[in-house]
C-alpha atoms as a PDB file:
ATOM      1  CA  MET A   1      -0.199  -0.083   0.125  1.00  0.00           C
ATOM      2  CA  SER A   2       2.645   2.345   0.302  1.00  0.00           C
ATOM      3  CA  VAL A   3       3.479   2.081  -3.434  1.00  0.00           C
ATOM      4  CA  ASN A   4       0.262   2.764  -3.731  1.00  0.00           C
ATOM      5  CA  ASN A   5       0.041   6.101  -2.099  1.00  0.00           C
ATOM      6  CA  CYS A   6      -3.483   6.818  -2.744  1.00  0.00           C
ATOM      7  CA  PRO A   7      -3.625  10.540  -1.148  1.00  0.00           C
ATOM      8  CA  LYS A   8      -1.231  11.818  -3.608  1.00  0.00           C
ATOM      9  CA  ASN A   9      -3.422  10.714  -6.241  1.00  0.00           C
ATOM     10  CA  SER A  10      -7.310  11.284  -4.788  1.00  0.00           C
ATOM     11  CA  THR A  11      -9.228  12.878  -2.376  1.00  0.00           C
ATOM     12  CA  SER A  12     -11.807  10.037  -1.374  1.00  0.00           C
ATOM     13  CA  CYS A  13      -9.531   7.248  -0.417  1.00  0.00           C
ATOM     14  CA  VAL A  14     -10.532   4.706   2.443  1.00  0.00           C
ATOM     15  CA  ALA A  15      -9.248   4.850   6.005  1.00  0.00           C
ATOM     16  CA  ARG A  16      -7.477   8.292   4.584  1.00  0.00           C
ATOM     17  CA  PHE A  17      -5.901   8.356   8.712  1.00  0.00           C
ATOM     18  CA  LEU A  18      -3.536   5.872   7.548  1.00  0.00           C
ATOM     19  CA  GLY A  19      -2.144   8.112   4.933  1.00  0.00           C
ATOM     20  CA  ARG A  20      -0.195   6.792   1.941  1.00  0.00           C
ATOM     21  CA  LEU A  21      -1.071   3.613   3.406  1.00  0.00           C
ATOM     22  CA  SER A  22      -4.709   4.330   2.853  1.00  0.00           C
ATOM     23  CA  PHE A  23      -6.587   2.087   0.085  1.00  0.00           C
ATOM     24  CA  GLN A  24      -8.153   3.516  -3.039  1.00  0.00           C
ATOM     25  CA  PRO A  25     -11.940   4.340  -3.248  1.00  0.00           C
ATOM     26  CA  PHE A  26     -14.582   1.542  -3.381  1.00  0.00           C
ATOM     27  CA  LYS A  27     -15.760   3.075  -6.820  1.00  0.00           C
ATOM     28  CA  GLU A  28     -12.208   2.302  -8.097  1.00  0.00           C
ATOM     29  CA  ASN A  29     -11.218  -1.024  -6.175  1.00  0.00           C
ATOM     30  CA  PRO A  30     -13.870  -2.448  -4.459  1.00  0.00           C
ATOM     31  CA  LEU A  31     -11.905  -5.169  -2.734  1.00  0.00           C
ATOM     32  CA  LEU A  32     -10.439  -2.695  -0.505  1.00  0.00           C
ATOM     33  CA  GLY A  33      -6.699  -2.329  -2.285  1.00  0.00           C
ATOM     34  CA  PRO A  34      -4.304  -0.628  -4.531  1.00  0.00           C
ATOM     35  CA  SER A  35      -5.091   0.646  -8.101  1.00  0.00           C
ATOM     36  CA  SER A  36      -3.960  -1.314 -10.730  1.00  0.00           C
ATOM     37  CA  SER A  37      -1.258   0.876 -11.640  1.00  0.00           C
ATOM     38  CA  ALA A  38       0.443   0.194  -8.137  1.00  0.00           C
ATOM     39  CA  LEU A  39      -0.185  -3.617  -8.475  1.00  0.00           C
ATOM     40  CA  GLU A  40       1.421  -3.481 -11.988  1.00  0.00           C
ATOM     41  CA  LYS A  41       4.419  -1.496 -10.573  1.00  0.00           C
ATOM     42  CA  MET A  42       4.530  -4.985  -8.034  1.00  0.00           C
ATOM     43  CA  ASP A  43       4.682  -6.785 -10.888  1.00  0.00           C
ATOM     44  CA  ALA A  44       1.126  -8.496 -10.916  1.00  0.00           C
ATOM     45  CA  LEU A  45       0.608 -10.368 -14.478  1.00  0.00           C
ATOM     46  CA  ASP A  46       0.368  -7.858 -17.521  1.00  0.00           C
ATOM     47  CA  VAL A  47       0.861  -9.823 -20.806  1.00  0.00           C
ATOM     48  CA  GLY A  48       2.410  -6.801 -22.690  1.00  0.00           C
ATOM     49  CA  LYS A  49       5.055  -6.415 -20.198  1.00  0.00           C
ATOM     50  CA  VAL A  50       5.859 -10.762 -20.277  1.00  0.00           C
ATOM     51  CA  VAL A  51       5.893 -10.904 -24.040  1.00  0.00           C
ATOM     52  CA  HIS A  52       7.200  -7.422 -25.328  1.00  0.00           C
ATOM     53  CA  GLN A  53       9.483  -6.799 -22.337  1.00  0.00           C
ATOM     54  CA  HIS A  54      10.616 -10.470 -21.395  1.00  0.00           C
ATOM     55  CA  GLU A  55       9.587  -9.976 -17.981  1.00  0.00           C
ATOM     56  CA  GLY A  56       8.489 -13.638 -17.471  1.00  0.00           C
ATOM     57  CA  TRP A  57       8.895 -13.121 -13.762  1.00  0.00           C
ATOM     58  CA  ARG A  58       5.470 -11.735 -13.891  1.00  0.00           C
ATOM     59  CA  LEU A  59       3.999 -15.292 -14.054  1.00  0.00           C
ATOM     60  CA  ILE A  60       5.602 -16.270 -10.729  1.00  0.00           C
ATOM     61  CA  THR A  61       5.274 -12.847  -8.733  1.00  0.00           C
ATOM     62  CA  CYS A  62       1.063 -12.175  -9.652  1.00  0.00           C
ATOM     63  CA  MET A  63       0.839 -15.296  -7.166  1.00  0.00           C
ATOM     64  CA  TRP A  64       2.111 -12.985  -3.997  1.00  0.00           C
ATOM     65  CA  LEU A  65      -0.023 -10.242  -4.555  1.00  0.00           C
ATOM     66  CA  HIS A  66      -3.564  -9.409  -4.298  1.00  0.00           C
ATOM     67  CA  GLY A  67      -6.320  -6.821  -5.142  1.00  0.00           C
ATOM     68  CA  GLY A  68      -7.187  -6.048  -1.620  1.00  0.00           C
ATOM     69  CA  VAL A  69      -7.975  -7.089   1.968  1.00  0.00           C
ATOM     70  CA  PHE A  70     -11.147  -8.570   1.238  1.00  0.00           C
ATOM     71  CA  HIS A  71      -9.306 -11.015  -1.781  1.00  0.00           C
ATOM     72  CA  LEU A  72      -6.437 -11.931   0.525  1.00  0.00           C
ATOM     73  CA  LEU A  73      -8.437 -12.769   3.151  1.00  0.00           C
ATOM     74  CA  ALA A  74     -10.639 -15.322   0.954  1.00  0.00           C
ATOM     75  CA  ASN A  75      -7.623 -16.818  -0.417  1.00  0.00           C
ATOM     76  CA  MET A  76      -5.929 -17.077   2.806  1.00  0.00           C
ATOM     77  CA  LEU A  77      -9.091 -18.509   4.624  1.00  0.00           C
ATOM     78  CA  SER A  78      -9.295 -20.960   1.231  1.00  0.00           C
ATOM     79  CA  LEU A  79      -5.951 -22.193   1.423  1.00  0.00           C
ATOM     80  CA  LEU A  80      -6.146 -22.730   5.312  1.00  0.00           C
ATOM     81  CA  VAL A  81      -8.994 -25.002   4.471  1.00  0.00           C
ATOM     82  CA  ILE A  82      -7.568 -26.780   1.848  1.00  0.00           C
ATOM     83  CA  GLY A  83      -3.958 -26.972   2.385  1.00  0.00           C
ATOM     84  CA  ILE A  84      -3.354 -28.028   5.955  1.00  0.00           C
ATOM     85  CA  ARG A  85      -4.953 -31.687   5.629  1.00  0.00           C
ATOM     86  CA  LEU A  86      -3.376 -32.063   2.241  1.00  0.00           C
ATOM     87  CA  GLU A  87       0.407 -31.142   3.966  1.00  0.00           C
ATOM     88  CA  GLN A  88       0.042 -33.267   6.619  1.00  0.00           C
ATOM     89  CA  GLU A  89      -0.870 -35.879   4.965  1.00  0.00           C
ATOM     90  CA  PHE A  90       1.820 -35.456   2.119  1.00  0.00           C
ATOM     91  CA  GLY A  91       4.615 -32.772   3.817  1.00  0.00           C
ATOM     92  CA  PHE A  92       5.509 -30.003   2.656  1.00  0.00           C
ATOM     93  CA  VAL A  93       7.808 -30.156   0.075  1.00  0.00           C
ATOM     94  CA  ARG A  94       5.477 -32.169  -2.135  1.00  0.00           C
ATOM     95  CA  ILE A  95       2.804 -29.940  -1.698  1.00  0.00           C
ATOM     96  CA  GLY A  96       4.439 -26.967  -2.114  1.00  0.00           C
ATOM     97  CA  LEU A  97       5.661 -27.510  -5.611  1.00  0.00           C
ATOM     98  CA  LEU A  98       2.213 -28.204  -6.751  1.00  0.00           C
ATOM     99  CA  TYR A  99       1.218 -25.401  -5.168  1.00  0.00           C
ATOM    100  CA  LEU A 100       4.090 -23.073  -7.134  1.00  0.00           C
ATOM    101  CA  ILE A 101       3.468 -25.215 -10.556  1.00  0.00           C
ATOM    102  CA  SER A 102      -0.011 -25.058 -10.570  1.00  0.00           C
ATOM    103  CA  GLY A 103      -0.108 -21.159 -10.086  1.00  0.00           C
ATOM    104  CA  LEU A 104       2.470 -21.265 -12.893  1.00  0.00           C
ATOM    105  CA  GLY A 105      -0.202 -22.834 -15.401  1.00  0.00           C
ATOM    106  CA  GLY A 106      -2.649 -20.627 -14.144  1.00  0.00           C
ATOM    107  CA  SER A 107      -0.614 -17.875 -14.765  1.00  0.00           C
ATOM    108  CA  VAL A 108       0.453 -18.952 -18.334  1.00  0.00           C
ATOM    109  CA  LEU A 109      -3.185 -20.075 -19.449  1.00  0.00           C
ATOM    110  CA  SER A 110      -4.742 -16.774 -18.321  1.00  0.00           C
ATOM    111  CA  ALA A 111      -1.770 -14.611 -19.510  1.00  0.00           C
ATOM    112  CA  LEU A 112      -2.504 -16.931 -23.550  1.00  0.00           C
ATOM    113  CA  PHE A 113      -5.939 -15.592 -23.094  1.00  0.00           C
ATOM    114  CA  ILE A 114      -6.486 -12.655 -20.961  1.00  0.00           C
ATOM    115  CA  GLN A 115      -4.466  -9.870 -22.604  1.00  0.00           C
ATOM    116  CA  SER A 116      -6.272  -6.596 -21.918  1.00  0.00           C
ATOM    117  CA  ASN A 117      -6.348  -6.773 -18.332  1.00  0.00           C
ATOM    118  CA  ILE A 118      -3.490  -7.362 -15.509  1.00  0.00           C
ATOM    119  CA  SER A 119      -4.224 -10.333 -13.221  1.00  0.00           C
ATOM    120  CA  VAL A 120      -3.112 -10.732  -9.309  1.00  0.00           C
ATOM    121  CA  GLY A 121      -3.748 -13.423  -6.795  1.00  0.00           C
ATOM    122  CA  ALA A 122      -3.187 -17.223  -5.877  1.00  0.00           C
ATOM    123  CA  SER A 123      -6.708 -18.358  -6.677  1.00  0.00           C
ATOM    124  CA  GLY A 124      -4.650 -20.778  -9.887  1.00  0.00           C
ATOM    125  CA  ALA A 125      -2.535 -22.414  -7.327  1.00  0.00           C
ATOM    126  CA  LEU A 126      -5.621 -23.100  -4.945  1.00  0.00           C
ATOM    127  CA  PHE A 127      -7.741 -24.503  -7.974  1.00  0.00           C
ATOM    128  CA  GLY A 128      -4.287 -26.706  -8.351  1.00  0.00           C
ATOM    129  CA  LEU A 129      -4.981 -27.873  -4.580  1.00  0.00           C
ATOM    130  CA  LEU A 130      -8.353 -28.885  -5.578  1.00  0.00           C
ATOM    131  CA  GLY A 131      -7.222 -30.485  -8.625  1.00  0.00           C
ATOM    132  CA  GLY A 132      -4.753 -32.548  -6.785  1.00  0.00           C
ATOM    133  CA  MET A 133      -7.217 -33.478  -4.481  1.00  0.00           C
ATOM    134  CA  LEU A 134      -9.408 -34.879  -7.162  1.00  0.00           C
ATOM    135  CA  SER A 135      -6.312 -36.781  -8.883  1.00  0.00           C
ATOM    136  CA  GLU A 136      -5.239 -38.354  -5.168  1.00  0.00           C
ATOM    137  CA  LEU A 137      -8.601 -39.793  -4.836  1.00  0.00           C
ATOM    138  CA  ILE A 138      -8.599 -41.210  -8.073  1.00  0.00           C
ATOM    139  CA  THR A 139      -5.052 -42.579  -7.780  1.00  0.00           C
ATOM    140  CA  ASN A 140      -5.668 -43.737  -4.599  1.00  0.00           C
ATOM    141  CA  TRP A 141      -9.132 -45.187  -4.704  1.00  0.00           C
ATOM    142  CA  THR A 142      -8.820 -48.180  -3.301  1.00  0.00           C
ATOM    143  CA  ILE A 143      -7.797 -47.217  -0.080  1.00  0.00           C
ATOM    144  CA  TYR A 144     -10.843 -45.046   1.112  1.00  0.00           C
ATOM    145  CA  ALA A 145     -13.894 -46.194   2.499  1.00  0.00           C
ATOM    146  CA  ASN A 146     -16.696 -43.748   1.145  1.00  0.00           C
ATOM    147  CA  LYS A 147     -15.162 -43.217  -2.247  1.00  0.00           C
ATOM    148  CA  VAL A 148     -18.365 -42.208  -4.075  1.00  0.00           C
ATOM    149  CA  ALA A 149     -19.511 -39.769  -1.505  1.00  0.00           C
ATOM    150  CA  ALA A 150     -15.729 -38.023  -1.506  1.00  0.00           C
ATOM    151  CA  LEU A 151     -15.895 -37.940  -4.863  1.00  0.00           C
ATOM    152  CA  LEU A 152     -19.320 -36.586  -5.708  1.00  0.00           C
ATOM    153  CA  THR A 153     -18.464 -33.769  -3.123  1.00  0.00           C
ATOM    154  CA  LEU A 154     -15.607 -32.809  -4.535  1.00  0.00           C
ATOM    155  CA  VAL A 155     -16.945 -32.589  -7.757  1.00  0.00           C
ATOM    156  CA  VAL A 156     -19.518 -30.323  -6.594  1.00  0.00           C
ATOM    157  CA  ILE A 157     -17.008 -27.756  -4.612  1.00  0.00           C
ATOM    158  CA  ILE A 158     -15.003 -27.511  -8.247  1.00  0.00           C
ATOM    159  CA  ALA A 159     -18.069 -26.743 -10.104  1.00  0.00           C
ATOM    160  CA  ILE A 160     -19.408 -24.586  -7.901  1.00  0.00           C
ATOM    161  CA  ASN A 161     -16.464 -22.599  -8.104  1.00  0.00           C
ATOM    162  CA  LEU A 162     -15.504 -22.604 -11.513  1.00  0.00           C
ATOM    163  CA  ALA A 163     -19.235 -21.274 -12.068  1.00  0.00           C
ATOM    164  CA  VAL A 164     -18.205 -18.463 -10.188  1.00  0.00           C
ATOM    165  CA  GLY A 165     -15.518 -17.747 -12.562  1.00  0.00           C
ATOM    166  CA  ILE A 166     -17.919 -16.728 -15.027  1.00  0.00           C
ATOM    167  CA  LEU A 167     -18.623 -13.517 -13.481  1.00  0.00           C
ATOM    168  CA  PRO A 168     -17.296 -10.385 -14.591  1.00  0.00           C
ATOM    169  CA  HIS A 169     -13.785  -9.296 -13.254  1.00  0.00           C
ATOM    170  CA  VAL A 170     -12.763 -12.675 -12.056  1.00  0.00           C
ATOM    171  CA  ASP A 171      -9.827 -14.371 -13.871  1.00  0.00           C
ATOM    172  CA  ASN A 172     -11.099 -17.968 -14.421  1.00  0.00           C
ATOM    173  CA  PHE A 173      -8.454 -18.934 -16.729  1.00  0.00           C
ATOM    174  CA  ALA A 174      -6.420 -18.865 -13.979  1.00  0.00           C
ATOM    175  CA  HIS A 175      -8.361 -20.896 -12.369  1.00  0.00           C
ATOM    176  CA  ILE A 176      -9.030 -23.728 -15.167  1.00  0.00           C
ATOM    177  CA  GLY A 177      -4.861 -23.647 -16.045  1.00  0.00           C
ATOM    178  CA  GLY A 178      -4.285 -23.894 -11.897  1.00  0.00           C
ATOM    179  CA  PHE A 179      -6.937 -27.052 -11.986  1.00  0.00           C
ATOM    180  CA  LEU A 180      -5.528 -28.782 -14.733  1.00  0.00           C
ATOM    181  CA  SER A 181      -1.991 -28.205 -13.666  1.00  0.00           C
ATOM    182  CA  GLY A 182      -2.585 -29.282  -9.974  1.00  0.00           C
ATOM    183  CA  PHE A 183      -4.917 -32.302 -11.064  1.00  0.00           C
ATOM    184  CA  LEU A 184      -1.671 -34.020 -12.960  1.00  0.00           C
ATOM    185  CA  LEU A 185       0.473 -33.022 -10.669  1.00  0.00           C
ATOM    186  CA  GLY A 186      -1.979 -34.889  -7.957  1.00  0.00           C
ATOM    187  CA  PHE A 187      -1.105 -37.973 -10.306  1.00  0.00           C
ATOM    188  CA  VAL A 188       2.593 -37.259 -10.118  1.00  0.00           C
ATOM    189  CA  PHE A 189       3.281 -35.840  -6.624  1.00  0.00           C
ATOM    190  CA  LEU A 190       0.332 -37.770  -4.309  1.00  0.00           C
ATOM    191  CA  ILE A 191       0.639 -41.205  -5.321  1.00  0.00           C
ATOM    192  CA  ARG A 192       0.546 -43.251  -2.011  1.00  0.00           C
ATOM    193  CA  PRO A 193       1.007 -47.179  -2.115  1.00  0.00           C
ATOM    194  CA  GLN A 194      -2.144 -49.604  -2.447  1.00  0.00           C
ATOM    195  CA  PHE A 195      -0.716 -52.450  -0.676  1.00  0.00           C
ATOM    196  CA  GLY A 196       2.955 -52.927   0.321  1.00  0.00           C
ATOM    197  CA  TRP A 197       5.626 -54.779   2.251  1.00  0.00           C
ATOM    198  CA  VAL A 198       4.600 -56.887   5.380  1.00  0.00           C
ATOM    199  CA  ASN A 199       6.510 -55.568   8.540  1.00  0.00           C
ATOM    200  CA  GLN A 200       8.493 -59.099   9.455  1.00  0.00           C
ATOM    201  CA  ARG A 201       7.941 -58.524  13.032  1.00  0.00           C
ATOM    202  CA  TYR A 202       4.216 -58.741  12.509  1.00  0.00           C
ATOM    203  CA  ALA A 203       4.470 -61.674  10.035  1.00  0.00           C
ATOM    204  CA  PRO A 204       3.452 -64.761  10.336  1.00  0.00           C
ATOM    205  CA  ALA A 205       5.543 -67.819  11.106  1.00  0.00           C
ATOM    206  CA  GLY A 206       7.432 -68.542   8.152  1.00  0.00           C
ATOM    207  CA  TYR A 207       6.834 -65.673   6.165  1.00  0.00           C
ATOM    208  CA  SER A 208       9.893 -64.084   4.326  1.00  0.00           C
ATOM    209  CA  SER A 209       9.829 -60.416   3.631  1.00  0.00           C
ATOM    210  CA  THR A 210      11.822 -60.739   0.562  1.00  0.00           C
ATOM    211  CA  SER A 211       8.568 -62.377  -1.023  1.00  0.00           C
ATOM    212  CA  SER A 212       6.846 -58.849  -0.477  1.00  0.00           C
ATOM    213  CA  THR A 213       4.183 -57.634  -3.427  1.00  0.00           C
ATOM    214  CA  PRO A 214       4.534 -54.316  -5.457  1.00  0.00           C
ATOM    215  CA  LYS A 215       3.920 -50.990  -3.616  1.00  0.00           C
ATOM    216  CA  PHE A 216       2.300 -49.586  -6.174  1.00  0.00           C
ATOM    217  CA  LYS A 217      -0.172 -50.865  -8.881  1.00  0.00           C
ATOM    218  CA  ALA A 218       0.138 -50.776 -12.684  1.00  0.00           C
ATOM    219  CA  TYR A 219      -2.726 -48.209 -12.819  1.00  0.00           C
ATOM    220  CA  GLN A 220      -1.208 -45.541 -10.657  1.00  0.00           C
ATOM    221  CA  CYS A 221       2.158 -46.460 -12.864  1.00  0.00           C
ATOM    222  CA  VAL A 222       0.542 -45.314 -15.987  1.00  0.00           C
ATOM    223  CA  LEU A 223      -1.169 -42.400 -14.667  1.00  0.00           C
ATOM    224  CA  TRP A 224       1.859 -41.126 -13.304  1.00  0.00           C
ATOM    225  CA  VAL A 225       3.739 -41.564 -16.622  1.00  0.00           C
ATOM    226  CA  LEU A 226       0.784 -40.189 -18.714  1.00  0.00           C
ATOM    227  CA  SER A 227       0.701 -37.147 -16.641  1.00  0.00           C
ATOM    228  CA  LEU A 228       4.112 -35.982 -16.148  1.00  0.00           C
ATOM    229  CA  ILE A 229       4.320 -36.305 -20.541  1.00  0.00           C
ATOM    230  CA  LEU A 230       1.354 -33.982 -20.266  1.00  0.00           C
ATOM    231  CA  LEU A 231       2.648 -31.935 -17.845  1.00  0.00           C
ATOM    232  CA  ILE A 232       6.267 -31.644 -19.837  1.00  0.00           C
ATOM    233  CA  VAL A 233       4.409 -31.005 -23.551  1.00  0.00           C
ATOM    234  CA  GLY A 234       1.369 -28.826 -21.630  1.00  0.00           C
ATOM    235  CA  PHE A 235       3.821 -26.382 -20.210  1.00  0.00           C
ATOM    236  CA  THR A 236       6.093 -26.035 -23.295  1.00  0.00           C
ATOM    237  CA  VAL A 237       3.739 -25.487 -25.368  1.00  0.00           C
ATOM    238  CA  GLY A 238       2.007 -22.696 -23.408  1.00  0.00           C
ATOM    239  CA  LEU A 239       5.440 -21.239 -22.466  1.00  0.00           C
ATOM    240  CA  VAL A 240       6.675 -21.126 -26.439  1.00  0.00           C
ATOM    241  CA  LEU A 241       3.045 -19.800 -27.600  1.00  0.00           C
ATOM    242  CA  LEU A 242       3.325 -17.117 -24.797  1.00  0.00           C
ATOM    243  CA  LEU A 243       6.734 -15.669 -24.744  1.00  0.00           C
ATOM    244  CA  GLU A 244       7.196 -15.881 -28.841  1.00  0.00           C
ATOM    245  CA  ASP A 245       3.650 -14.415 -29.140  1.00  0.00           C
ATOM    246  CA  LEU A 246       2.113 -16.890 -31.347  1.00  0.00           C
ATOM    247  CA  ASN A 247      -1.064 -17.740 -29.090  1.00  0.00           C
ATOM    248  CA  ASP A 248      -4.220 -17.314 -31.556  1.00  0.00           C
ATOM    249  CA  HIS A 249      -7.460 -16.810 -29.714  1.00  0.00           C
ATOM    250  CA  CYS A 250     -10.561 -19.158 -30.269  1.00  0.00           C
ATOM    251  CA  SER A 251     -13.961 -17.041 -31.162  1.00  0.00           C
ATOM    252  CA  TRP A 252     -15.640 -18.596 -27.754  1.00  0.00           C
ATOM    253  CA  CYS A 253     -12.597 -19.036 -25.103  1.00  0.00           C
ATOM    254  CA  HIS A 254     -13.470 -15.994 -23.347  1.00  0.00           C
ATOM    255  CA  TYR A 255     -16.833 -17.179 -22.473  1.00  0.00           C
ATOM    256  CA  LEU A 256     -15.124 -19.708 -20.110  1.00  0.00           C
ATOM    257  CA  SER A 257     -14.150 -16.355 -17.819  1.00  0.00           C
ATOM    258  CA  CYS A 258     -16.835 -14.119 -18.528  1.00  0.00           C
ATOM    259  CA  VAL A 259     -20.449 -14.648 -20.138  1.00  0.00           C
ATOM    260  CA  PRO A 260     -22.282 -11.139 -20.494  1.00  0.00           C
ATOM    261  CA  THR A 261     -25.721 -11.095 -19.698  1.00  0.00           C
ATOM    262  CA  SER A 262     -27.901  -7.587 -19.360  1.00  0.00           C
ATOM    263  CA  ARG A 263     -27.008  -7.494 -15.794  1.00  0.00           C
ATOM    264  CA  TRP A 264     -23.047  -7.021 -16.576  1.00  0.00           C
ATOM    265  CA  SER A 265     -20.765  -6.306 -19.590  1.00  0.00           C
ATOM    266  CA  CYS A 266     -17.389  -7.954 -19.975  1.00  0.00           C
ATOM    267  CA  ASN A 267     -16.108  -6.075 -22.526  1.00  0.00           C
ATOM    268  CA  THR A 268     -14.281  -3.168 -19.686  1.00  0.00           C
ATOM    269  CA  ALA A 269     -10.677  -3.384 -19.082  1.00  0.00           C
ATOM    270  CA  TYR A 270      -9.967  -4.205 -15.230  1.00  0.00           C
ATOM    271  CA  LEU A 271      -8.333  -5.815 -12.368  1.00  0.00           C
ATOM    272  CA  LEU A 272      -8.658  -9.601 -12.309  1.00  0.00           C
ATOM    273  CA  PRO A 273      -8.390 -10.932  -9.273  1.00  0.00           C
ATOM    274  CA  GLY A 274      -7.422 -14.449  -9.370  1.00  0.00           C
END
């Protein structure tokens, strides 16, 4: 907010008593935060700067910026609800990598299809965690008790969140890119043995641990290989299309991010909180 310095450019700042730390007027930023230009200075995702000025780091740094206090609180609450359980089960390293790579995937897809707005936020990475939860359920299917109930609950949550993304000023491409990346990464990072070696201490008399069964099932290994290949190909193609400015927009893809109605328009350039 110090970079924003609202009083320098406006006389109707929110919480003006905070001085240069005050917020932009609600009509400019209803999320209680800085201006779009201030976020751009702090390395928000700006496709023009990524492609033409070679500022590729914006694909990563935009994940650590938020459109305002409300945006930050919503994302952090979601991270606590989703991330804590995953980290407890799979550890900091695997979930951290899934989070970061999914966020990058969301930024790449967003940059390919939304070029007139700047984008900030961790929603792409958060959707990656949701995608990882779904693929983890699939690849570790046999160890779950209430399989169908867990699957339906997760699918409904994902569908509702993606549906919200068709509202204006929401970067749904970041959501979709993050979800797809996380879904594939889940098959790579979150695989668990379905049956493994028997501890010799608890083995019956005459049992030899050398005759143990494989730790992973064949379908898990197939999903692991296919997902890794798709991730490498997808990121390579996406980054080449973006950085070489070769992407060609399809005529209907913009409806994935915003569906125009009589109540709102999708044509206004705006800050997109991801």
